[in-house]
C-alpha atoms as a PDB file:
ATOM      1  CA  MET A   1     199.543  68.838  67.175  1.00  0.00           C
ATOM      2  CA  ASN A   2     195.932  67.248  67.098  1.00  0.00           C
ATOM      3  CA  HIS A   3     193.683  67.004  69.590  1.00  0.00           C
ATOM      4  CA  TYR A   4     190.547  63.957  69.712  1.00  0.00           C
ATOM      5  CA  PHE A   5     187.957  64.215  72.087  1.00  0.00           C
ATOM      6  CA  ILE A   6     185.281  61.442  72.441  1.00  0.00           C
ATOM      7  CA  SER A   7     182.816  60.715  75.182  1.00  0.00           C
ATOM      8  CA  ASP A   8     179.365  58.719  75.803  1.00  0.00           C
ATOM      9  CA  ALA A   9     180.761  55.076  75.268  1.00  0.00           C
ATOM     10  CA  HIS A  10     178.432  54.063  78.431  1.00  0.00           C
ATOM     11  CA  LEU A  11     180.266  50.362  78.281  1.00  0.00           C
ATOM     12  CA  TYR A  12     179.421  47.331  79.910  1.00  0.00           C
ATOM     13  CA  PRO A  13     181.284  44.980  80.804  1.00  0.00           C
ATOM     14  CA  GLU A  14     183.163  42.850  77.943  1.00  0.00           C
ATOM     15  CA  TRP A  15     181.223  39.699  78.504  1.00  0.00           C
ATOM     16  CA  LYS A  16     177.774  42.038  77.491  1.00  0.00           C
ATOM     17  CA  HIS A  17     177.506  43.029  73.489  1.00  0.00           C
ATOM     18  CA  HIS A  18     177.815  46.628  73.292  1.00  0.00           C
ATOM     19  CA  PRO A  19     177.564  47.973  69.670  1.00  0.00           C
ATOM     20  CA  GLY A  20     180.247  50.507  70.532  1.00  0.00           C
ATOM     21  CA  ARG A  21     183.206  48.538  71.888  1.00  0.00           C
ATOM     22  CA  GLU A  22     185.305  46.777  68.791  1.00  0.00           C
ATOM     23  CA  PRO A  23     185.070  50.116  67.226  1.00  0.00           C
ATOM     24  CA  LEU A  24     186.162  51.922  70.044  1.00  0.00           C
ATOM     25  CA  ARG A  25     188.981  49.585  70.555  1.00  0.00           C
ATOM     26  CA  LYS A  26     189.967  50.219  66.717  1.00  0.00           C
ATOM     27  CA  PHE A  27     189.886  53.689  66.789  1.00  0.00           C
ATOM     28  CA  LEU A  28     192.340  53.606  70.623  1.00  0.00           C
ATOM     29  CA  LEU A  29     194.333  51.131  67.849  1.00  0.00           C
ATOM     30  CA  GLU A  30     194.434  53.359  65.550  1.00  0.00           C
ATOM     31  CA  LEU A  31     195.314  56.434  67.334  1.00  0.00           C
ATOM     32  CA  ALA A  32     198.413  54.467  68.739  1.00  0.00           C
ATOM     33  CA  ASN A  33     199.673  54.358  65.810  1.00  0.00           C
ATOM     34  CA  LYS A  34     199.340  58.358  64.256  1.00  0.00           C
ATOM     35  CA  GLU A  35     202.181  61.047  65.460  1.00  0.00           C
ATOM     36  CA  PRO A  36     201.071  61.888  69.199  1.00  0.00           C
ATOM     37  CA  GLY A  37     198.334  64.438  70.019  1.00  0.00           C
ATOM     38  CA  SER A  38     196.121  64.164  72.855  1.00  0.00           C
ATOM     39  CA  LEU A  39     192.437  62.541  73.274  1.00  0.00           C
ATOM     40  CA  TRP A  40     190.414  64.288  75.841  1.00  0.00           C
ATOM     41  CA  ILE A  41     187.404  61.466  77.191  1.00  0.00           C
ATOM     42  CA  LEU A  42     184.448  64.081  77.851  1.00  0.00           C
ATOM     43  CA  GLY A  43     182.926  61.341  80.508  1.00  0.00           C
ATOM     44  CA  ASP A  44     180.580  58.247  80.674  1.00  0.00           C
ATOM     45  CA  LEU A  45     182.897  56.442  78.936  1.00  0.00           C
ATOM     46  CA  PHE A  46     181.522  53.344  81.050  1.00  0.00           C
ATOM     47  CA  ASP A  47     177.882  52.960  82.286  1.00  0.00           C
ATOM     48  CA  TYR A  48     179.017  51.798  85.168  1.00  0.00           C
ATOM     49  CA  TRP A  49     182.190  52.727  87.326  1.00  0.00           C
ATOM     50  CA  PHE A  50     182.983  52.613  91.507  1.00  0.00           C
ATOM     51  CA  GLU A  51     186.771  52.361  92.605  1.00  0.00           C
ATOM     52  CA  TYR A  52     187.453  50.853  95.551  1.00  0.00           C
ATOM     53  CA  SER A  53     191.141  51.424  97.126  1.00  0.00           C
ATOM     54  CA  THR A  54     192.062  47.743  95.375  1.00  0.00           C
ATOM     55  CA  VAL A  55     188.968  47.155  93.523  1.00  0.00           C
ATOM     56  CA  ILE A  56     187.803  47.664  90.017  1.00  0.00           C
ATOM     57  CA  PRO A  57     184.925  46.635  87.814  1.00  0.00           C
ATOM     58  CA  GLY A  58     185.647  44.309  86.449  1.00  0.00           C
ATOM     59  CA  GLY A  59     185.379  43.587  82.252  1.00  0.00           C
ATOM     60  CA  PHE A  60     187.199  46.265  80.843  1.00  0.00           C
ATOM     61  CA  THR A  61     190.131  44.718  80.599  1.00  0.00           C
ATOM     62  CA  ASP A  62     190.615  45.278  76.853  1.00  0.00           C
ATOM     63  CA  ILE A  63     190.071  49.181  77.111  1.00  0.00           C
ATOM     64  CA  LEU A  64     192.176  49.908  79.752  1.00  0.00           C
ATOM     65  CA  SER A  65     194.868  48.353  78.412  1.00  0.00           C
ATOM     66  CA  LEU A  66     194.559  50.143  75.024  1.00  0.00           C
ATOM     67  CA  LEU A  67     194.292  53.416  76.893  1.00  0.00           C
ATOM     68  CA  ARG A  68     197.953  52.738  78.965  1.00  0.00           C
ATOM     69  CA  ASN A  69     199.017  51.761  75.333  1.00  0.00           C
ATOM     70  CA  LEU A  70     198.023  55.220  74.176  1.00  0.00           C
ATOM     71  CA  SER A  71     199.745  56.893  76.854  1.00  0.00           C
ATOM     72  CA  ASP A  72     202.640  54.413  76.552  1.00  0.00           C
ATOM     73  CA  THR A  73     203.069  55.615  72.948  1.00  0.00           C
ATOM     74  CA  GLY A  74     203.260  59.787  73.899  1.00  0.00           C
ATOM     75  CA  TRP A  75     199.621  60.902  74.232  1.00  0.00           C
ATOM     76  CA  LYS A  76     198.462  62.838  76.416  1.00  0.00           C
ATOM     77  CA  VAL A  77     195.308  61.373  77.704  1.00  0.00           C
ATOM     78  CA  PHE A  78     192.734  63.502  79.832  1.00  0.00           C
ATOM     79  CA  PHE A  79     189.102  62.452  81.589  1.00  0.00           C
ATOM     80  CA  ILE A  80     186.623  64.047  82.570  1.00  0.00           C
ATOM     81  CA  PRO A  81     184.506  62.204  84.383  1.00  0.00           C
ATOM     82  CA  GLY A  82     179.969  62.050  83.187  1.00  0.00           C
ATOM     83  CA  ASN A  83     177.857  61.178  85.314  1.00  0.00           C
ATOM     84  CA  HIS A  84     178.080  57.563  85.106  1.00  0.00           C
ATOM     85  CA  ASP A  85     181.694  57.509  86.284  1.00  0.00           C
ATOM     86  CA  TRP A  86     182.256  60.119  88.390  1.00  0.00           C
ATOM     87  CA  TRP A  87     183.377  57.868  91.184  1.00  0.00           C
ATOM     88  CA  CYS A  88     186.848  56.966  89.200  1.00  0.00           C
ATOM     89  CA  GLY A  89     189.819  58.016  91.195  1.00  0.00           C
ATOM     90  CA  ASP A  90     193.917  57.251  91.054  1.00  0.00           C
ATOM     91  CA  LEU A  91     193.515  53.740  90.804  1.00  0.00           C
ATOM     92  CA  LEU A  92     192.324  54.630  86.835  1.00  0.00           C
ATOM     93  CA  SER A  93     194.725  57.324  86.466  1.00  0.00           C
ATOM     94  CA  ARG A  94     197.376  54.454  87.078  1.00  0.00           C
ATOM     95  CA  GLU A  95     196.119  51.796  85.070  1.00  0.00           C
ATOM     96  CA  THR A  96     195.613  53.849  81.846  1.00  0.00           C
ATOM     97  CA  GLY A  97     197.928  56.850  82.506  1.00  0.00           C
ATOM     98  CA  MET A  98     194.968  59.438  82.071  1.00  0.00           C
ATOM     99  CA  LYS A  99     195.110  62.720  83.341  1.00  0.00           C
ATOM    100  CA  ILE A 100     191.479  62.360  85.349  1.00  0.00           C
ATOM    101  CA  ILE A 101     190.586  66.115  85.676  1.00  0.00           C
ATOM    102  CA  PHE A 102     187.169  66.305  88.400  1.00  0.00           C
ATOM    103  CA  THR A 103     185.171  69.740  87.424  1.00  0.00           C
ATOM    104  CA  THR A 104     182.193  70.910  85.733  1.00  0.00           C
ATOM    105  CA  ALA A 105     183.859  72.383  83.456  1.00  0.00           C
ATOM    106  CA  TYR A 106     187.272  72.863  82.334  1.00  0.00           C
ATOM    107  CA  SER A 107     188.766  75.744  80.445  1.00  0.00           C
ATOM    108  CA  THR A 108     191.927  75.654  78.485  1.00  0.00           C
ATOM    109  CA  VAL A 109     193.581  76.557  74.952  1.00  0.00           C
ATOM    110  CA  ILE A 110     193.042  74.001  72.149  1.00  0.00           C
ATOM    111  CA  ASP A 111     194.550  74.818  68.716  1.00  0.00           C
ATOM    112  CA  GLY A 112     195.190  78.626  69.894  1.00  0.00           C
ATOM    113  CA  ARG A 113     191.660  78.609  70.588  1.00  0.00           C
ATOM    114  CA  LYS A 114     190.077  79.655  74.410  1.00  0.00           C
ATOM    115  CA  THR A 115     188.375  76.091  74.833  1.00  0.00           C
ATOM    116  CA  VAL A 116     185.808  75.338  77.729  1.00  0.00           C
ATOM    117  CA  MET A 117     184.626  71.450  78.053  1.00  0.00           C
ATOM    118  CA  ALA A 118     182.552  69.743  79.901  1.00  0.00           C
ATOM    119  CA  HIS A 119     180.268  66.404  80.117  1.00  0.00           C
ATOM    120  CA  GLY A 120     177.689  68.505  80.339  1.00  0.00           C
ATOM    121  CA  ASP A 121     174.837  67.258  82.977  1.00  0.00           C
ATOM    122  CA  GLY A 122     173.568  69.835  85.465  1.00  0.00           C
ATOM    123  CA  LEU A 123     174.763  72.799  83.065  1.00  0.00           C
ATOM    124  CA  GLY A 124     172.231  75.616  82.461  1.00  0.00           C
ATOM    125  CA  LYS A 125     168.737  76.325  83.659  1.00  0.00           C
ATOM    126  CA  GLY A 126     167.780  72.792  82.670  1.00  0.00           C
ATOM    127  CA  ASP A 127     167.560  69.251  84.240  1.00  0.00           C
ATOM    128  CA  THR A 128     166.772  70.577  87.197  1.00  0.00           C
ATOM    129  CA  GLY A 129     166.218  67.540  89.411  1.00  0.00           C
ATOM    130  CA  TYR A 130     169.251  66.119  88.802  1.00  0.00           C
ATOM    131  CA  ARG A 131     171.259  69.732  89.029  1.00  0.00           C
ATOM    132  CA  LEU A 132     169.145  69.101  93.439  1.00  0.00           C
ATOM    133  CA  LEU A 133     170.431  65.496  93.291  1.00  0.00           C
ATOM    134  CA  LYS A 134     173.984  65.703  92.086  1.00  0.00           C
ATOM    135  CA  PRO A 135     175.818  67.310  94.884  1.00  0.00           C
ATOM    136  CA  VAL A 136     174.539  64.284  96.796  1.00  0.00           C
ATOM    137  CA  LEU A 137     175.414  62.038  94.561  1.00  0.00           C
ATOM    138  CA  ARG A 138     178.813  63.454  94.353  1.00  0.00           C
ATOM    139  CA  SER A 139     179.423  64.118  98.318  1.00  0.00           C
ATOM    140  CA  ARG A 140     181.985  62.248 100.068  1.00  0.00           C
ATOM    141  CA  TRP A 141     179.118  60.979 102.444  1.00  0.00           C
ATOM    142  CA  ALA A 142     177.791  58.913  99.589  1.00  0.00           C
ATOM    143  CA  ARG A 143     180.828  57.779  97.818  1.00  0.00           C
ATOM    144  CA  LEU A 144     181.644  56.497 101.295  1.00  0.00           C
ATOM    145  CA  PHE A 145     177.950  54.528 102.235  1.00  0.00           C
ATOM    146  CA  PHE A 146     178.919  53.116  98.715  1.00  0.00           C
ATOM    147  CA  SER A 147     182.326  52.015  99.132  1.00  0.00           C
ATOM    148  CA  MET A 148     180.965  49.697 102.359  1.00  0.00           C
ATOM    149  CA  VAL A 149     179.163  47.603  99.933  1.00  0.00           C
ATOM    150  CA  HIS A 150     180.330  44.654  98.944  1.00  0.00           C
ATOM    151  CA  PRO A 151     181.280  45.296  95.391  1.00  0.00           C
ATOM    152  CA  THR A 152     179.269  42.502  93.784  1.00  0.00           C
ATOM    153  CA  MET A 153     175.689  43.864  95.458  1.00  0.00           C
ATOM    154  CA  ALA A 154     177.015  47.525  94.502  1.00  0.00           C
ATOM    155  CA  THR A 155     177.333  46.346  90.949  1.00  0.00           C
ATOM    156  CA  GLY A 156     174.298  44.784  90.511  1.00  0.00           C
ATOM    157  CA  ILE A 157     172.535  47.913  92.623  1.00  0.00           C
ATOM    158  CA  ALA A 158     174.443  51.232  90.310  1.00  0.00           C
ATOM    159  CA  ARG A 159     173.072  48.781  86.908  1.00  0.00           C
ATOM    160  CA  LEU A 160     169.676  48.962  88.195  1.00  0.00           C
ATOM    161  CA  PHE A 161     170.072  52.935  88.155  1.00  0.00           C
ATOM    162  CA  SER A 162     172.456  53.054  84.898  1.00  0.00           C
ATOM    163  CA  ASN A 163     169.750  51.742  82.392  1.00  0.00           C
ATOM    164  CA  THR A 164     171.313  55.114  80.321  1.00  0.00           C
ATOM    165  CA  SER A 165     172.941  53.023  77.105  1.00  0.00           C
ATOM    166  CA  ARG A 166     169.536  50.307  76.148  1.00  0.00           C
ATOM    167  CA  ARG A 167     167.617  53.297  76.741  1.00  0.00           C
ATOM    168  CA  ILE A 168     169.570  55.663  74.138  1.00  0.00           C
ATOM    169  CA  LEU A 169     169.887  52.863  71.773  1.00  0.00           C
ATOM    170  CA  ARG A 170     166.064  53.490  71.260  1.00  0.00           C
ATOM    171  CA  LYS A 171     165.205  56.447  71.697  1.00  0.00           C
ATOM    172  CA  GLN A 172     167.795  59.435  69.761  1.00  0.00           C
ATOM    173  CA  VAL A 173     168.075  62.350  70.726  1.00  0.00           C
ATOM    174  CA  ASP A 174     168.421  64.843  67.292  1.00  0.00           C
ATOM    175  CA  SER A 175     169.284  68.186  68.673  1.00  0.00           C
ATOM    176  CA  VAL A 176     171.401  69.311  71.923  1.00  0.00           C
ATOM    177  CA  PRO A 177     168.393  70.606  74.432  1.00  0.00           C
ATOM    178  CA  GLU A 178     168.226  74.591  74.452  1.00  0.00           C
ATOM    179  CA  TYR A 179     169.480  74.694  78.061  1.00  0.00           C
ATOM    180  CA  LEU A 180     172.831  73.236  77.014  1.00  0.00           C
ATOM    181  CA  ALA A 181     172.701  74.974  74.070  1.00  0.00           C
ATOM    182  CA  GLN A 182     172.058  78.611  75.673  1.00  0.00           C
ATOM    183  CA  TRP A 183     174.875  77.261  78.063  1.00  0.00           C
ATOM    184  CA  ALA A 184     177.312  76.886  75.647  1.00  0.00           C
ATOM    185  CA  ALA A 185     176.324  80.640  73.890  1.00  0.00           C
ATOM    186  CA  ASP A 186     176.697  82.176  76.807  1.00  0.00           C
ATOM    187  CA  GLN A 187     180.384  80.893  77.251  1.00  0.00           C
ATOM    188  CA  SER A 188     180.948  83.841  74.233  1.00  0.00           C
ATOM    189  CA  ASN A 189     180.826  86.432  77.346  1.00  0.00           C
ATOM    190  CA  ARG A 190     183.971  85.121  78.271  1.00  0.00           C
ATOM    191  CA  ALA A 191     186.067  85.230  74.819  1.00  0.00           C
ATOM    192  CA  THR A 192     185.552  81.583  74.528  1.00  0.00           C
ATOM    193  CA  GLU A 193     186.205  80.610  71.202  1.00  0.00           C
ATOM    194  CA  LEU A 194     185.201  76.405  71.281  1.00  0.00           C
ATOM    195  CA  VAL A 195     182.864  74.694  73.659  1.00  0.00           C
ATOM    196  CA  ILE A 196     182.903  70.759  73.282  1.00  0.00           C
ATOM    197  CA  THR A 197     180.029  68.858  75.492  1.00  0.00           C
ATOM    198  CA  ALA A 198     178.990  65.445  75.417  1.00  0.00           C
ATOM    199  CA  HIS A 199     176.159  63.725  77.721  1.00  0.00           C
ATOM    200  CA  THR A 200     173.432  64.342  75.286  1.00  0.00           C
ATOM    201  CA  HIS A 201     174.728  61.639  72.293  1.00  0.00           C
ATOM    202  CA  CYS A 202     173.662  63.979  69.716  1.00  0.00           C
ATOM    203  CA  PRO A 203     176.111  64.839  67.937  1.00  0.00           C
ATOM    204  CA  SER A 204     176.447  68.467  66.100  1.00  0.00           C
ATOM    205  CA  ILE A 205     178.583  71.278  65.359  1.00  0.00           C
ATOM    206  CA  VAL A 206     176.456  74.840  65.428  1.00  0.00           C
ATOM    207  CA  ASN A 207     178.148  78.541  65.506  1.00  0.00           C
ATOM    208  CA  HIS A 208     177.589  80.911  68.343  1.00  0.00           C
ATOM    209  CA  GLY A 209     179.031  84.175  66.472  1.00  0.00           C
ATOM    210  CA  GLN A 210     182.487  83.707  66.859  1.00  0.00           C
ATOM    211  CA  LEU A 211     182.154  81.058  69.137  1.00  0.00           C
ATOM    212  CA  VAL A 212     182.367  77.094  68.153  1.00  0.00           C
ATOM    213  CA  HIS A 213     179.871  74.557  69.829  1.00  0.00           C
ATOM    214  CA  ALA A 214     180.551  71.142  69.095  1.00  0.00           C
ATOM    215  CA  SER A 215     178.730  67.909  71.030  1.00  0.00           C
ATOM    216  CA  LEU A 216     180.104  65.167  70.610  1.00  0.00           C
ATOM    217  CA  GLY A 217     177.406  62.413  70.392  1.00  0.00           C
ATOM    218  CA  ASP A 218     178.334  58.537  71.687  1.00  0.00           C
ATOM    219  CA  TRP A 219     179.728  55.163  70.410  1.00  0.00           C
ATOM    220  CA  ILE A 220     176.317  53.475  71.486  1.00  0.00           C
ATOM    221  CA  SER A 221     174.985  54.475  68.117  1.00  0.00           C
ATOM    222  CA  HIS A 222     176.920  57.950  66.146  1.00  0.00           C
ATOM    223  CA  PHE A 223     180.349  56.678  66.672  1.00  0.00           C
ATOM    224  CA  THR A 224     181.653  59.964  66.432  1.00  0.00           C
ATOM    225  CA  TYR A 225     184.598  62.272  67.020  1.00  0.00           C
ATOM    226  CA  LEU A 226     185.748  65.618  67.468  1.00  0.00           C
ATOM    227  CA  LYS A 227     189.498  66.285  65.725  1.00  0.00           C
ATOM    228  CA  VAL A 228     190.527  69.562  66.629  1.00  0.00           C
ATOM    229  CA  GLY A 229     194.107  70.151  64.882  1.00  0.00           C
ATOM    230  CA  GLY A 230     195.806  73.168  61.808  1.00  0.00           C
ATOM    231  CA  GLY A 231     193.267  75.699  62.451  1.00  0.00           C
ATOM    232  CA  GLU A 232     190.095  73.126  61.782  1.00  0.00           C
ATOM    233  CA  ILE A 233     187.227  71.724  63.999  1.00  0.00           C
ATOM    234  CA  ASN A 234     185.532  68.620  62.418  1.00  0.00           C
ATOM    235  CA  LEU A 235     183.265  65.819  63.425  1.00  0.00           C
ATOM    236  CA  TYR A 236     183.702  62.825  62.527  1.00  0.00           C
ATOM    237  CA  GLU A 237     182.000  59.559  61.973  1.00  0.00           C
ATOM    238  CA  TYR A 238     183.976  55.862  62.996  1.00  0.00           C
ATOM    239  CA  ARG A 239     183.731  53.769  60.202  1.00  0.00           C
END
């Protein structure tokens, strides 16, 4: 069984240009034609997502349909929300067939390896300001307050603060921040063999002794995915 990992597409609504939308669509279509395995999306699939009880953001129908198709063909699809799409929920899960895992770091076994995976925001000893703000942004009260705002206005507000993708296009990151790299390396103390993180938009595979740390990159400028299976761990650029 092969396992695929992607993250940080930061999709805009489909009427706005996005360099990764078409490559991601083709990638999901190609997976559906392969022997079913598992697809793990480690957050920030959307540049902004807020889920009301009966309303979801418009402009993502193509991607939602492709994820649904993947689930219907026998693939196991998992989603660990990131800092841009943490406010997702049951409606997204029902539309796509994805299993949503709300956690900072998730432990499981992948291809016989003890694995820890995380989006990566606020981990380690860095990113101090965000680590202080993170519990507030993810609180029930913050979600309740935002749900009272009309969806059109809420979307406008969110996009004012969700300019990550456009900023990343102008500023390339050439290495995983030290605080996140150290957090990954420290997982070896728990007999972890594979750590997979996202968030930094920096694709890389680094060995820390017996532990492998894979950073997924993005679908804005790198278009990368990780494939784990048959005892191998490989990071590919989709073309």
